[in-house]
Amino acid sequence: MGSSLSRRNFLKASAAAGIAIKVSFLPSPAAARLIETPPQPGPDWLKADGKPKYRLDAIAKVTGEKTFSRDYRARDLDGWPKQQAHAFMIHATKADRTFEGIDLGVLGDALKPDRLVLHEDLVADGIAIPVPGFYGDVFLVPKGQTARLLGQPVALLIYHDFARYDAAKRLIRFDDTVVRYGEKAPYSHPAHYGAARYVRIDGGTPDAPDRFSPLKDTVIYGGFSGDDPKWPEADADGDAMGRGMAAAAEIEQEIGMAGDDALVLRNEYFSQSVDASAMEADNGNVWYDAATGVLHIMVATQSPYEVAEVSAVLVSKSKFPLKEVDLKVGYTVGYGTKDHSIFAFFCVVAGLYGDGRPVRLANDRYEQFQMGLKRHAFWMDNILVVDRKTGQFRIMTGHFKNDGGGRANFSFSVGFVGATAAQSIYYLPKSDFSAAAIASRAVDAGSTRGYGTLQSMSATEMMVDEAAEALGMDAIDLRLKNVFKSGMKNTQGAIPAGALRNEEILLKAKAHPLWTQRQEKKAAFDAANPGKRYGVGYGHVQKDYGTGAEAALAALEFDARGRVSFAHVAHEIGTGTTTSQAIMVGDILGRVPEVTEYGKVRWPQMPLETTDEPYTMAQADEDRNSANPRWTPSFTSPMSATNSVYYLGHATRQAAHALVEFAIWPAARSLWSQGIGGGSIAPYFVRREDLRMENGLVNAGGMPPLAFEAVTAEAHRLGLVTGVTVHTFNRWQWAQADFDVPGIGRTRLPVDALALKYGDGATEQAKALMTLDGWQFVDRVAVYYPPAQRNNAGVTYYAPMATLAEIVVDTASGDVTILSHHSIMECGTQVVPELVSGQLQGGLAMGIGHALKEYLPLYEDGPGDGTWNWNRYELPRARDVAVWTQTSEILPPLSETDPPKGIAEVVMIAVVPALANAIAHAIGKRFYDLPITPEKIRGALA
């Protein structure tokens, strides 16, 4: 994953071409509401306890302000031409016949495009796929060749006016005579996308050194023989991969030799392809100004830096002169589908052929089904070996394939993340999980919400339930016997971060009335309702969050009047991050920022250098680069991987804590020390840890409360640090660095770069240091990056979630009705509980859809044919999700110092196996492929 998306290559190419890259966020009414409208945030936003009444972006969204990229046209953007051009694409719906051209006769002369773009035009003009492999090899299908995937565009049509564009698009949409095909040809897919294997054998006890594990030894990588992975040869005395395969052979042999004292359960599972159905379809508006050489882009994306950098590379190799890329990004919702999507670059291509006009390329819902990134289909071959007497798990293996379609995207990464998650909440003494990402003619799949873990953990939970039934055990009791506890190692051999509280959740679920009364209620209900069957099921998972290369920047400062300003790289994709980051500041400073800037990408105070190869760089190379105090493994992360509250929030929290240490505490001590005999603080011994900041007051150890404004004024008078910018990096643990902070001394912080701003009373010498837009970049003295081997940990941060589902199955129709569901989650400290509740409710609806309704055929009958919309694709409605009878419980943090945990993806997973297990309880039939539809239920009962 890292090598194929090396940002270093993008930067080198754009720098060599002399291209400046500028990324900014839309100056929309929403931004104005966030930044400029006084008071900011204001008493109308916060309740008396300092918590928000509503999201920062709420009013703009519900009143229909322009907040999303899709809402904008050229006339809405300052400096853009007012005439808006429009484009759409024609797609190949066959992958087994050569493409021989298009016939636009149906349009007549009046509706012919003002510009028609084919593959041959792109070749002639030097436009090629900017990241070959990850995004495939061609934008448009070349004449005489077969499409790489169903739905691949063959032509781009540009119109200078909307009316003709709209009429032409309507005429062409379902006309299968427009694309001309030639001879039948065998589909030739690209090379498969990758195979990885994670083998672990413990040392006899959970705390003993592992005999073999990925973290201690290596991840095993394989090639392919046909569609099957081909692994290295086993060699107990060979290199690390050979020894790993020998360990895998030992596990396989032990399974084969299992006696009557062991339950050996073997099942094959299937998880379907789905569409994330984000309400904002992919869209972009691009204006290439040939006179200035500036490429202006406005696009819906979760990864703006990648869009800007890749666009620079794309255009710099073409005939179009380029001096600058100016990218604007609005709010969006993507569920991963707008993270590293090729669609943004189709928009760039369209813009280059606008003849000086901005060109808007925006999917309607048919096109979004045809082109949008999908959740991967997974095939899983699992084995679970359980000691019949003790109920202890001895071995679990799982060999997975996922279909990535005709472009690689993140398919390999999604596969191995699914493999590393498959253990779910259980400790496994011996395990062997592998993932193989397969190329096919299907629509490409990407980093859609769940990222492979929904598929693998749902199967594990269904399997554990079946094992409990086979052993005659209570399903939660079996889980309790095998629950993963704090300090144990995962299947990669790494010890996860912090306290694991799955046992606590299991005990709560076991005592819940839905579980304790399930047999009694089933007997009564079934007797009273002929033809209907009652069931209760349980699912329990823990989801990783983060990517193993999370980086962020945050800046926090105050003026002499106490006005707090805050800037962050995070931008809003629907999770409420703009709200939660501001509240984090308030939780530490006792004052929310009055001025906020989100999606900030210009950081002159942080002149950092990066090779951006955090996954693939050799340790020796990283050690050498680390000697440069301005080098970092990665500059910033996209909005993805449930990373906002913990990882991006870490930068917020560290900036706030540093400001307290460097400014608030010494300024408060100065005020308390004023007067004869050392002031009011002298008789007491007041510690730093006694400091409290809330409701605009600063207090500590019985001292007179100080107004926040008085403290900030004193900090400025003394010339203390009054502004802090930090850069953070995490590779399954935090980078740390030592800095010499003026007035503080040598300080170690969990950041890898630091910039400071000094108060009004600072010395001229100190002020002279603030040369970078009013900031001083402080060269670190030493840095401590997590070792590169830490990549093999796969994950160390988990958030758990369990769900009890109560359902009724109609045995005549096969319909499943959800009566209620109860979820139990642990997410550390909730920053804004209402946002957590919203995530929980939305995630449960998505999980219910995956379990019972949503399904896309992969190939010829699938969305690549262009006929899919929500009239064919069934999403759950309010009536399907027990909207009025769902309940939830969130474990309180162990202390007020617990960090928040990323939960955006885990909230949708546990309900999937809970429903499958509830159906099994209701009708005594188990299902191994999703979704569990009425047709499948009727077939099982026939």
Foldseek 3Di string as FASTA:
>chain_A
DLVLQFLLVLVVLLVVLQAAEAEAADPWVLQCQQFPDPQHVDPQQADPQREGPDFSSPVCVVVVTPFALVVDFQCVDPPADPQEKAKEFDWALDQFFFWAAFDLVLLPPVLAFPDKDFQVNCVVFQFWQLRDQQFHTGQAGDGGHGDLAQQRTGMMGMHRDDVSVVVSCVRPQQDPRGTDTHDGHDRDFDAFDWKKKWWWAQPPDLQHHTPAFCLVFRIWTFGDDVQHTDGDDADCPDHRRNVRVVRVVVVVVCLVPDDPQKDKDKDKFKFFKFDPPFVFFWKKKWAQALVVQEIEIETEALFVVSLRSSLSSRPSSGNRRHHYYYYYGGAAAAQFQRYPFCVSVVLSVVNVPPVRHIYMYGDDQLSCQQATAIAWMKMKIKIWMARLPQLETAEIEIEMETEFERHNECQVVLFVLLQQFLCFFFDYNIYMYMYTYGYDNFHGHYCHFCSNNLRRNLLSQLVLLVVCVVSVHDSLVSCLSGGHFQPGAGSNRDGFDDGDCVNVVSVVVCPDCCNVCVVVVQVVVCVVDPLKFKFKFKFKGKHFFDDLWAKWKKKWFAALQGAIEIEILADHHPLSLVSLLQLLLCQQQQDGHSRYYYNDDDDLQQQADESQSLQDDAQVVVVVQQVFLRYDHDHHDGPDRLQRQFRRSVQSNQQSVVQCVFAQVVLVLVVQQDDPPRHPCVVDDWDPVQWDHHNQWIDGDPTDIDGSSSRSNSQQQVFIWGMKMFMWTGRLHFKKFWFQHPPPGTDIGSTSWMKTATHNNHDPVVQVQLPRVRIHTTRTPGMDYDGSSSNSSSGRAIWMKMKMWIWMARLVQRDIATQEMEMETEFADDSRVVSVVVLLLVLQQVLLCSAEFAHADGHSRGSSSSPDRCVPGPGDDCRRRNVPHYYYHYDYHPDPPTGGHRCNRNSNRGVNSRVQRRVCRTPVDHDRYDHSYSVNSNVVSD
